[in-house]
Each structure stands twice: as structure tokens, then as C-alpha cells.
Amino acid sequence: MGTRRAAPDEALEPRFEASLASLEALVARLEGGELELEAALAAFEEGVALARRCSSQLEAAELRIRKLEETADGPVERDFDPGEDE
């Protein structure tokens, strides 16, 4: 099986799992309530950027899945329900 080469922009972007872990750590720091106002605002801004990056990466993954599911009869539409067992 071949491996997919990362686009140049992808190589510079942190992996989804790393971004999500960073976001979770930031949320924990913010929820701790021990940050001063300026530090909390900076953490919040960073969190928003991380959340957007994660969302973008998930959308790109969904698009790849949709492309892979195309058949000779045309595209196959699927709902992406994480709670759905197949």
C-alpha cells in the first residue's frame, strides 16, 4: 500500500492529535482559574486558533473520505455521525 505524501503546507502544520492535546491543556489551564487576565486572554486566543485548526483538519479528513468513497456509479453520500455504529 502506498503512503500519501504531505503537501508542503501540511508538513509545517501540527498533526491533529498534537493540536487537540494542546487545546485540551489550554482549556484545563483556563478552567483552573489561576491565570492573570492578560495570560488568560492570550491563552483564549491561542485556544480559538487551535480549535479552528482542528476543525479545518477534520473537514479536510471528511473531504478525503468522501473522495475515497466515490464509485463508478457516482459519489456516495454518508452521514458522519460519530455515535453511529456500523
PDB file of N, CA and C in Angstrom:
ATOM      1  N   MET A   1       0.842  -1.172   0.000  1.00  0.00           N
ATOM      2  CA  MET A   1       0.000   0.000   0.000  1.00  0.00           C
ATOM      3  C   MET A   1       0.889   1.239   0.000  1.00  0.00           C
ATOM      4  N   GLY A   2       0.583   2.237  -0.831  1.00  0.00           N
ATOM      5  CA  GLY A   2       1.395   3.437  -0.913  1.00  0.00           C
ATOM      6  C   GLY A   2       1.095   4.388   0.231  1.00  0.00           C
ATOM      7  N   THR A   3       2.046   5.242   0.489  1.00  0.00           N
ATOM      8  CA  THR A   3       1.828   6.252   1.514  1.00  0.00           C
ATOM      9  C   THR A   3       1.561   7.576   0.844  1.00  0.00           C
ATOM     10  N   ARG A   4       0.725   8.359   1.463  1.00  0.00           N
ATOM     11  CA  ARG A   4       0.373   9.663   0.927  1.00  0.00           C
ATOM     12  C   ARG A   4       1.441  10.665   1.350  1.00  0.00           C
ATOM     13  N   ARG A   5       1.924  11.420   0.373  1.00  0.00           N
ATOM     14  CA  ARG A   5       2.910  12.455   0.681  1.00  0.00           C
ATOM     15  C   ARG A   5       2.184  13.693   1.183  1.00  0.00           C
ATOM     16  N   ALA A   6       2.751  14.320   2.184  1.00  0.00           N
ATOM     17  CA  ALA A   6       2.159  15.537   2.723  1.00  0.00           C
ATOM     18  C   ALA A   6       2.486  16.705   1.805  1.00  0.00           C
ATOM     19  N   ALA A   7       1.510  17.569   1.625  1.00  0.00           N
ATOM     20  CA  ALA A   7       1.740  18.801   0.884  1.00  0.00           C
ATOM     21  C   ALA A   7       2.689  19.666   1.692  1.00  0.00           C
ATOM     22  N   PRO A   8       3.424  20.575   1.051  1.00  0.00           N
ATOM     23  CA  PRO A   8       4.375  21.407   1.799  1.00  0.00           C
ATOM     24  C   PRO A   8       3.748  22.132   2.982  1.00  0.00           C
ATOM     25  N   ASP A   9       2.521  22.655   2.841  1.00  0.00           N
ATOM     26  CA  ASP A   9       1.863  23.344   3.952  1.00  0.00           C
ATOM     27  C   ASP A   9       1.522  22.384   5.083  1.00  0.00           C
ATOM     28  N   GLU A  10       1.169  21.136   4.729  1.00  0.00           N
ATOM     29  CA  GLU A  10       0.812  20.142   5.747  1.00  0.00           C
ATOM     30  C   GLU A  10       2.004  19.795   6.619  1.00  0.00           C
ATOM     31  N   ALA A  11       3.206  19.757   6.020  1.00  0.00           N
ATOM     32  CA  ALA A  11       4.399  19.388   6.771  1.00  0.00           C
ATOM     33  C   ALA A  11       4.678  20.395   7.886  1.00  0.00           C
ATOM     34  N   LEU A  12       4.303  21.652   7.697  1.00  0.00           N
ATOM     35  CA  LEU A  12       4.544  22.681   8.685  1.00  0.00           C
ATOM     36  C   LEU A  12       3.445  22.747   9.737  1.00  0.00           C
ATOM     37  N   GLU A  13       2.277  22.231   9.418  1.00  0.00           N
ATOM     38  CA  GLU A  13       1.132  22.287  10.323  1.00  0.00           C
ATOM     39  C   GLU A  13       1.190  21.118  11.305  1.00  0.00           C
ATOM     40  N   PRO A  14       0.984  21.408  12.608  1.00  0.00           N
ATOM     41  CA  PRO A  14       0.999  20.313  13.596  1.00  0.00           C
ATOM     42  C   PRO A  14      -0.092  19.285  13.289  1.00  0.00           C
ATOM     43  N   ARG A  15       0.177  18.058  13.656  1.00  0.00           N
ATOM     44  CA  ARG A  15      -0.801  16.992  13.460  1.00  0.00           C
ATOM     45  C   ARG A  15      -2.034  17.269  14.311  1.00  0.00           C
ATOM     46  N   PHE A  16      -3.163  16.707  13.875  1.00  0.00           N
ATOM     47  CA  PHE A  16      -4.433  16.908  14.568  1.00  0.00           C
ATOM     48  C   PHE A  16      -4.314  16.526  16.040  1.00  0.00           C
ATOM     49  N   GLU A  17      -3.739  15.373  16.310  1.00  0.00           N
ATOM     50  CA  GLU A  17      -3.648  14.888  17.692  1.00  0.00           C
ATOM     51  C   GLU A  17      -2.844  15.843  18.568  1.00  0.00           C
ATOM     52  N   ALA A  18      -1.779  16.419  18.014  1.00  0.00           N
ATOM     53  CA  ALA A  18      -0.964  17.364  18.780  1.00  0.00           C
ATOM     54  C   ALA A  18      -1.744  18.651  19.039  1.00  0.00           C
ATOM     55  N   SER A  19      -2.462  19.121  18.037  1.00  0.00           N
ATOM     56  CA  SER A  19      -3.266  20.337  18.199  1.00  0.00           C
ATOM     57  C   SER A  19      -4.367  20.119  19.231  1.00  0.00           C
ATOM     58  N   LEU A  20      -5.017  18.962  19.166  1.00  0.00           N
ATOM     59  CA  LEU A  20      -6.092  18.660  20.112  1.00  0.00           C
ATOM     60  C   LEU A  20      -5.548  18.556  21.537  1.00  0.00           C
ATOM     61  N   ALA A  21      -4.393  17.924  21.702  1.00  0.00           N
ATOM     62  CA  ALA A  21      -3.796  17.812  23.031  1.00  0.00           C
ATOM     63  C   ALA A  21      -3.432  19.191  23.581  1.00  0.00           C
ATOM     64  N   SER A  22      -2.907  20.056  22.727  1.00  0.00           N
ATOM     65  CA  SER A  22      -2.578  21.420  23.146  1.00  0.00           C
ATOM     66  C   SER A  22      -3.836  22.177  23.552  1.00  0.00           C
ATOM     67  N   LEU A  23      -4.895  22.005  22.776  1.00  0.00           N
ATOM     68  CA  LEU A  23      -6.161  22.669  23.083  1.00  0.00           C
ATOM     69  C   LEU A  23      -6.712  22.181  24.424  1.00  0.00           C
ATOM     70  N   GLU A  24      -6.670  20.882  24.655  1.00  0.00           N
ATOM     71  CA  GLU A  24      -7.163  20.334  25.925  1.00  0.00           C
ATOM     72  C   GLU A  24      -6.349  20.860  27.109  1.00  0.00           C
ATOM     73  N   ALA A  25      -5.030  20.977  26.934  1.00  0.00           N
ATOM     74  CA  ALA A  25      -4.182  21.502  28.001  1.00  0.00           C
ATOM     75  C   ALA A  25      -4.500  22.970  28.279  1.00  0.00           C
ATOM     76  N   LEU A  26      -4.742  23.728  27.219  1.00  0.00           N
ATOM     77  CA  LEU A  26      -5.101  25.140  27.380  1.00  0.00           C
ATOM     78  C   LEU A  26      -6.426  25.293  28.118  1.00  0.00           C
ATOM     79  N   VAL A  27      -7.390  24.479  27.743  1.00  0.00           N
ATOM     80  CA  VAL A  27      -8.699  24.532  28.402  1.00  0.00           C
ATOM     81  C   VAL A  27      -8.539  24.227  29.890  1.00  0.00           C
ATOM     82  N   ALA A  28      -7.722  23.244  30.215  1.00  0.00           N
ATOM     83  CA  ALA A  28      -7.504  22.890  31.619  1.00  0.00           C
ATOM     84  C   ALA A  28      -6.878  24.063  32.379  1.00  0.00           C
ATOM     85  N   ARG A  29      -5.917  24.746  31.750  1.00  0.00           N
ATOM     86  CA  ARG A  29      -5.289  25.909  32.399  1.00  0.00           C
ATOM     87  C   ARG A  29      -6.317  27.022  32.619  1.00  0.00           C
ATOM     88  N   LEU A  30      -7.143  27.260  31.604  1.00  0.00           N
ATOM     89  CA  LEU A  30      -8.158  28.309  31.729  1.00  0.00           C
ATOM     90  C   LEU A  30      -9.189  27.953  32.797  1.00  0.00           C
ATOM     91  N   GLU A  31      -9.598  26.698  32.819  1.00  0.00           N
ATOM     92  CA  GLU A  31     -10.589  26.270  33.810  1.00  0.00           C
ATOM     93  C   GLU A  31     -10.030  26.304  35.226  1.00  0.00           C
ATOM     94  N   GLY A  32      -8.695  26.205  35.335  1.00  0.00           N
ATOM     95  CA  GLY A  32      -8.062  26.259  36.650  1.00  0.00           C
ATOM     96  C   GLY A  32      -8.249  27.613  37.321  1.00  0.00           C
ATOM     97  N   GLY A  33      -8.468  28.654  36.518  1.00  0.00           N
ATOM     98  CA  GLY A  33      -8.746  29.973  37.057  1.00  0.00           C
ATOM     99  C   GLY A  33      -7.572  30.675  37.706  1.00  0.00           C
ATOM    100  N   GLU A  34      -6.363  30.194  37.492  1.00  0.00           N
ATOM    101  CA  GLU A  34      -5.203  30.780  38.152  1.00  0.00           C
ATOM    102  C   GLU A  34      -4.423  31.738  37.267  1.00  0.00           C
ATOM    103  N   LEU A  35      -4.833  31.895  36.010  1.00  0.00           N
ATOM    104  CA  LEU A  35      -4.120  32.785  35.096  1.00  0.00           C
ATOM    105  C   LEU A  35      -4.549  34.231  35.321  1.00  0.00           C
ATOM    106  N   GLU A  36      -3.586  35.128  35.194  1.00  0.00           N
ATOM    107  CA  GLU A  36      -3.919  36.547  35.236  1.00  0.00           C
ATOM    108  C   GLU A  36      -4.660  36.896  33.957  1.00  0.00           C
ATOM    109  N   LEU A  37      -5.333  38.040  33.971  1.00  0.00           N
ATOM    110  CA  LEU A  37      -6.198  38.418  32.856  1.00  0.00           C
ATOM    111  C   LEU A  37      -5.482  38.375  31.513  1.00  0.00           C
ATOM    112  N   GLU A  38      -4.338  39.013  31.390  1.00  0.00           N
ATOM    113  CA  GLU A  38      -3.632  39.049  30.105  1.00  0.00           C
ATOM    114  C   GLU A  38      -3.213  37.646  29.661  1.00  0.00           C
ATOM    115  N   ALA A  39      -2.750  36.834  30.586  1.00  0.00           N
ATOM    116  CA  ALA A  39      -2.357  35.462  30.256  1.00  0.00           C
ATOM    117  C   ALA A  39      -3.585  34.646  29.845  1.00  0.00           C
ATOM    118  N   ALA A  40      -4.711  34.873  30.511  1.00  0.00           N
ATOM    119  CA  ALA A  40      -5.943  34.160  30.172  1.00  0.00           C
ATOM    120  C   ALA A  40      -6.432  34.564  28.779  1.00  0.00           C
ATOM    121  N   LEU A  41      -6.346  35.859  28.462  1.00  0.00           N
ATOM    122  CA  LEU A  41      -6.746  36.316  27.135  1.00  0.00           C
ATOM    123  C   LEU A  41      -5.851  35.728  26.052  1.00  0.00           C
ATOM    124  N   ALA A  42      -4.549  35.693  26.291  1.00  0.00           N
ATOM    125  CA  ALA A  42      -3.619  35.110  25.320  1.00  0.00           C
ATOM    126  C   ALA A  42      -3.904  33.618  25.148  1.00  0.00           C
ATOM    127  N   ALA A  43      -4.179  32.931  26.247  1.00  0.00           N
ATOM    128  CA  ALA A  43      -4.493  31.505  26.183  1.00  0.00           C
ATOM    129  C   ALA A  43      -5.794  31.281  25.417  1.00  0.00           C
ATOM    130  N   PHE A  44      -6.770  32.143  25.662  1.00  0.00           N
ATOM    131  CA  PHE A  44      -8.044  32.024  24.955  1.00  0.00           C
ATOM    132  C   PHE A  44      -7.849  32.219  23.457  1.00  0.00           C
ATOM    133  N   GLU A  45      -7.074  33.242  23.068  1.00  0.00           N
ATOM    134  CA  GLU A  45      -6.791  33.486  21.648  1.00  0.00           C
ATOM    135  C   GLU A  45      -6.096  32.278  21.013  1.00  0.00           C
ATOM    136  N   GLU A  46      -5.134  31.729  21.725  1.00  0.00           N
ATOM    137  CA  GLU A  46      -4.436  30.545  21.221  1.00  0.00           C
ATOM    138  C   GLU A  46      -5.409  29.368  21.094  1.00  0.00           C
ATOM    139  N   GLY A  47      -6.301  29.242  22.058  1.00  0.00           N
ATOM    140  CA  GLY A  47      -7.296  28.171  22.025  1.00  0.00           C
ATOM    141  C   GLY A  47      -8.225  28.284  20.828  1.00  0.00           C
ATOM    142  N   VAL A  48      -8.639  29.506  20.514  1.00  0.00           N
ATOM    143  CA  VAL A  48      -9.505  29.722  19.349  1.00  0.00           C
ATOM    144  C   VAL A  48      -8.769  29.305  18.079  1.00  0.00           C
ATOM    145  N   ALA A  49      -7.502  29.682  17.966  1.00  0.00           N
ATOM    146  CA  ALA A  49      -6.711  29.305  16.788  1.00  0.00           C
ATOM    147  C   ALA A  49      -6.561  27.787  16.700  1.00  0.00           C
ATOM    148  N   LEU A  50      -6.311  27.141  17.820  1.00  0.00           N
ATOM    149  CA  LEU A  50      -6.189  25.680  17.832  1.00  0.00           C
ATOM    150  C   LEU A  50      -7.505  25.011  17.455  1.00  0.00           C
ATOM    151  N   ALA A  51      -8.617  25.528  17.983  1.00  0.00           N
ATOM    152  CA  ALA A  51      -9.929  24.952  17.664  1.00  0.00           C
ATOM    153  C   ALA A  51     -10.214  25.083  16.176  1.00  0.00           C
ATOM    154  N   ARG A  52      -9.863  26.225  15.595  1.00  0.00           N
ATOM    155  CA  ARG A  52     -10.068  26.412  14.158  1.00  0.00           C
ATOM    156  C   ARG A  52      -9.193  25.463  13.349  1.00  0.00           C
ATOM    157  N   ARG A  53      -7.942  25.288  13.781  1.00  0.00           N
ATOM    158  CA  ARG A  53      -7.043  24.367  13.083  1.00  0.00           C
ATOM    159  C   ARG A  53      -7.596  22.943  13.141  1.00  0.00           C
ATOM    160  N   CYS A  54      -8.048  22.515  14.314  1.00  0.00           N
ATOM    161  CA  CYS A  54      -8.617  21.166  14.455  1.00  0.00           C
ATOM    162  C   CYS A  54      -9.838  21.000  13.558  1.00  0.00           C
ATOM    163  N   SER A  55     -10.695  21.997  13.552  1.00  0.00           N
ATOM    164  CA  SER A  55     -11.896  21.938  12.725  1.00  0.00           C
ATOM    165  C   SER A  55     -11.531  21.836  11.249  1.00  0.00           C
ATOM    166  N   SER A  56     -10.565  22.614  10.829  1.00  0.00           N
ATOM    167  CA  SER A  56     -10.120  22.595   9.437  1.00  0.00           C
ATOM    168  C   SER A  56      -9.550  21.228   9.065  1.00  0.00           C
ATOM    169  N   GLN A  57      -8.766  20.650   9.967  1.00  0.00           N
ATOM    170  CA  GLN A  57      -8.179  19.340   9.703  1.00  0.00           C
ATOM    171  C   GLN A  57      -9.258  18.260   9.636  1.00  0.00           C
ATOM    172  N   LEU A  58     -10.268  18.357  10.490  1.00  0.00           N
ATOM    173  CA  LEU A  58     -11.368  17.389  10.440  1.00  0.00           C
ATOM    174  C   LEU A  58     -12.156  17.526   9.136  1.00  0.00           C
ATOM    175  N   GLU A  59     -12.394  18.758   8.700  1.00  0.00           N
ATOM    176  CA  GLU A  59     -13.095  18.967   7.430  1.00  0.00           C
ATOM    177  C   GLU A  59     -12.297  18.402   6.263  1.00  0.00           C
ATOM    178  N   ALA A  60     -10.980  18.581   6.291  1.00  0.00           N
ATOM    179  CA  ALA A  60     -10.128  18.040   5.222  1.00  0.00           C
ATOM    180  C   ALA A  60     -10.170  16.510   5.229  1.00  0.00           C
ATOM    181  N   ALA A  61     -10.188  15.912   6.408  1.00  0.00           N
ATOM    182  CA  ALA A  61     -10.261  14.455   6.506  1.00  0.00           C
ATOM    183  C   ALA A  61     -11.601  13.951   5.966  1.00  0.00           C
ATOM    184  N   GLU A  62     -12.674  14.652   6.294  1.00  0.00           N
ATOM    185  CA  GLU A  62     -14.001  14.268   5.791  1.00  0.00           C
ATOM    186  C   GLU A  62     -14.034  14.353   4.263  1.00  0.00           C
ATOM    187  N   LEU A  63     -13.427  15.382   3.703  1.00  0.00           N
ATOM    188  CA  LEU A  63     -13.377  15.529   2.247  1.00  0.00           C
ATOM    189  C   LEU A  63     -12.599  14.379   1.614  1.00  0.00           C
ATOM    190  N   ARG A  64     -11.484  14.003   2.212  1.00  0.00           N
ATOM    191  CA  ARG A  64     -10.714  12.866   1.693  1.00  0.00           C
ATOM    192  C   ARG A  64     -11.536  11.584   1.716  1.00  0.00           C
ATOM    193  N   ILE A  65     -12.291  11.387   2.803  1.00  0.00           N
ATOM    194  CA  ILE A  65     -13.132  10.187   2.916  1.00  0.00           C
ATOM    195  C   ILE A  65     -14.189  10.201   1.824  1.00  0.00           C
ATOM    196  N   ARG A  66     -14.818  11.347   1.625  1.00  0.00           N
ATOM    197  CA  ARG A  66     -15.843  11.446   0.572  1.00  0.00           C
ATOM    198  C   ARG A  66     -15.249  11.122  -0.797  1.00  0.00           C
ATOM    199  N   LYS A  67     -14.055  11.615  -1.074  1.00  0.00           N
ATOM    200  CA  LYS A  67     -13.410  11.340  -2.360  1.00  0.00           C
ATOM    201  C   LYS A  67     -13.110   9.857  -2.512  1.00  0.00           C
ATOM    202  N   LEU A  68     -12.681   9.226  -1.439  1.00  0.00           N
ATOM    203  CA  LEU A  68     -12.359   7.800  -1.488  1.00  0.00           C
ATOM    204  C   LEU A  68     -13.602   6.935  -1.690  1.00  0.00           C
ATOM    205  N   GLU A  69     -14.745   7.437  -1.241  1.00  0.00           N
ATOM    206  CA  GLU A  69     -15.979   6.666  -1.348  1.00  0.00           C
ATOM    207  C   GLU A  69     -16.658   6.788  -2.702  1.00  0.00           C
ATOM    208  N   GLU A  70     -16.126   7.637  -3.571  1.00  0.00           N
ATOM    209  CA  GLU A  70     -16.733   7.764  -4.893  1.00  0.00           C
ATOM    210  C   GLU A  70     -16.619   6.425  -5.622  1.00  0.00           C
ATOM    211  N   THR A  71     -17.678   6.071  -6.311  1.00  0.00           N
ATOM    212  CA  THR A  71     -17.692   4.818  -7.046  1.00  0.00           C
ATOM    213  C   THR A  71     -17.909   5.116  -8.521  1.00  0.00           C
ATOM    214  N   ALA A  72     -17.888   4.087  -9.332  1.00  0.00           N
ATOM    215  CA  ALA A  72     -18.127   4.254 -10.759  1.00  0.00           C
ATOM    216  C   ALA A  72     -19.543   4.777 -11.012  1.00  0.00           C
ATOM    217  N   ASP A  73     -20.445   4.526 -10.087  1.00  0.00           N
ATOM    218  CA  ASP A  73     -21.827   4.987 -10.215  1.00  0.00           C
ATOM    219  C   ASP A  73     -22.007   6.427  -9.747  1.00  0.00           C
ATOM    220  N   GLY A  74     -20.963   7.038  -9.258  1.00  0.00           N
ATOM    221  CA  GLY A  74     -21.055   8.410  -8.758  1.00  0.00           C
ATOM    222  C   GLY A  74     -20.704   8.457  -7.289  1.00  0.00           C
ATOM    223  N   PRO A  75     -20.742   9.633  -6.709  1.00  0.00           N
ATOM    224  CA  PRO A  75     -20.364   9.765  -5.303  1.00  0.00           C
ATOM    225  C   PRO A  75     -21.377   9.100  -4.374  1.00  0.00           C
ATOM    226  N   VAL A  76     -20.861   8.609  -3.267  1.00  0.00           N
ATOM    227  CA  VAL A  76     -21.695   8.008  -2.237  1.00  0.00           C
ATOM    228  C   VAL A  76     -21.755   8.990  -1.077  1.00  0.00           C
ATOM    229  N   GLU A  77     -22.934   9.476  -0.756  1.00  0.00           N
ATOM    230  CA  GLU A  77     -23.097  10.402   0.362  1.00  0.00           C
ATOM    231  C   GLU A  77     -23.293   9.609   1.649  1.00  0.00           C
ATOM    232  N   ARG A  78     -22.605  10.026   2.702  1.00  0.00           N
ATOM    233  CA  ARG A  78     -22.735   9.389   4.001  1.00  0.00           C
ATOM    234  C   ARG A  78     -22.844  10.442   5.069  1.00  0.00           C
ATOM    235  N   ASP A  79     -23.578  10.132   6.103  1.00  0.00           N
ATOM    236  CA  ASP A  79     -23.616  10.995   7.264  1.00  0.00           C
ATOM    237  C   ASP A  79     -22.444  10.611   8.158  1.00  0.00           C
ATOM    238  N   PHE A  80     -21.809  11.600   8.737  1.00  0.00           N
ATOM    239  CA  PHE A  80     -20.687  11.340   9.621  1.00  0.00           C
ATOM    240  C   PHE A  80     -21.156  11.533  11.057  1.00  0.00           C
ATOM    241  N   ASP A  81     -21.777  10.502  11.606  1.00  0.00           N
ATOM    242  CA  ASP A  81     -22.283  10.531  12.957  1.00  0.00           C
ATOM    243  C   ASP A  81     -21.335   9.706  13.823  1.00  0.00           C
ATOM    244  N   PRO A  82     -20.511  10.351  14.668  1.00  0.00           N
ATOM    245  CA  PRO A  82     -19.542   9.610  15.461  1.00  0.00           C
ATOM    246  C   PRO A  82     -20.180   8.606  16.423  1.00  0.00           C
ATOM    247  N   GLY A  83     -21.433   8.760  16.761  1.00  0.00           N
ATOM    248  CA  GLY A  83     -22.081   7.839  17.685  1.00  0.00           C
ATOM    249  C   GLY A  83     -22.711   6.646  16.968  1.00  0.00           C
ATOM    250  N   GLU A  84     -22.650   6.646  15.663  1.00  0.00           N
ATOM    251  CA  GLU A  84     -23.291   5.606  14.868  1.00  0.00           C
ATOM    252  C   GLU A  84     -22.367   4.419  14.710  1.00  0.00           C
ATOM    253  N   ASP A  85     -22.825   3.238  15.080  1.00  0.00           N
ATOM    254  CA  ASP A  85     -22.040   2.012  14.903  1.00  0.00           C
ATOM    255  C   ASP A  85     -22.483   1.337  13.630  1.00  0.00           C
ATOM    256  N   GLU A  86     -21.501   0.896  12.833  1.00  0.00           N
ATOM    257  CA  GLU A  86     -21.860   0.194  11.597  1.00  0.00           C
ATOM    258  C   GLU A  86     -21.500  -1.255  11.704  1.00  0.00           C
TER     259      GLU A  86
END
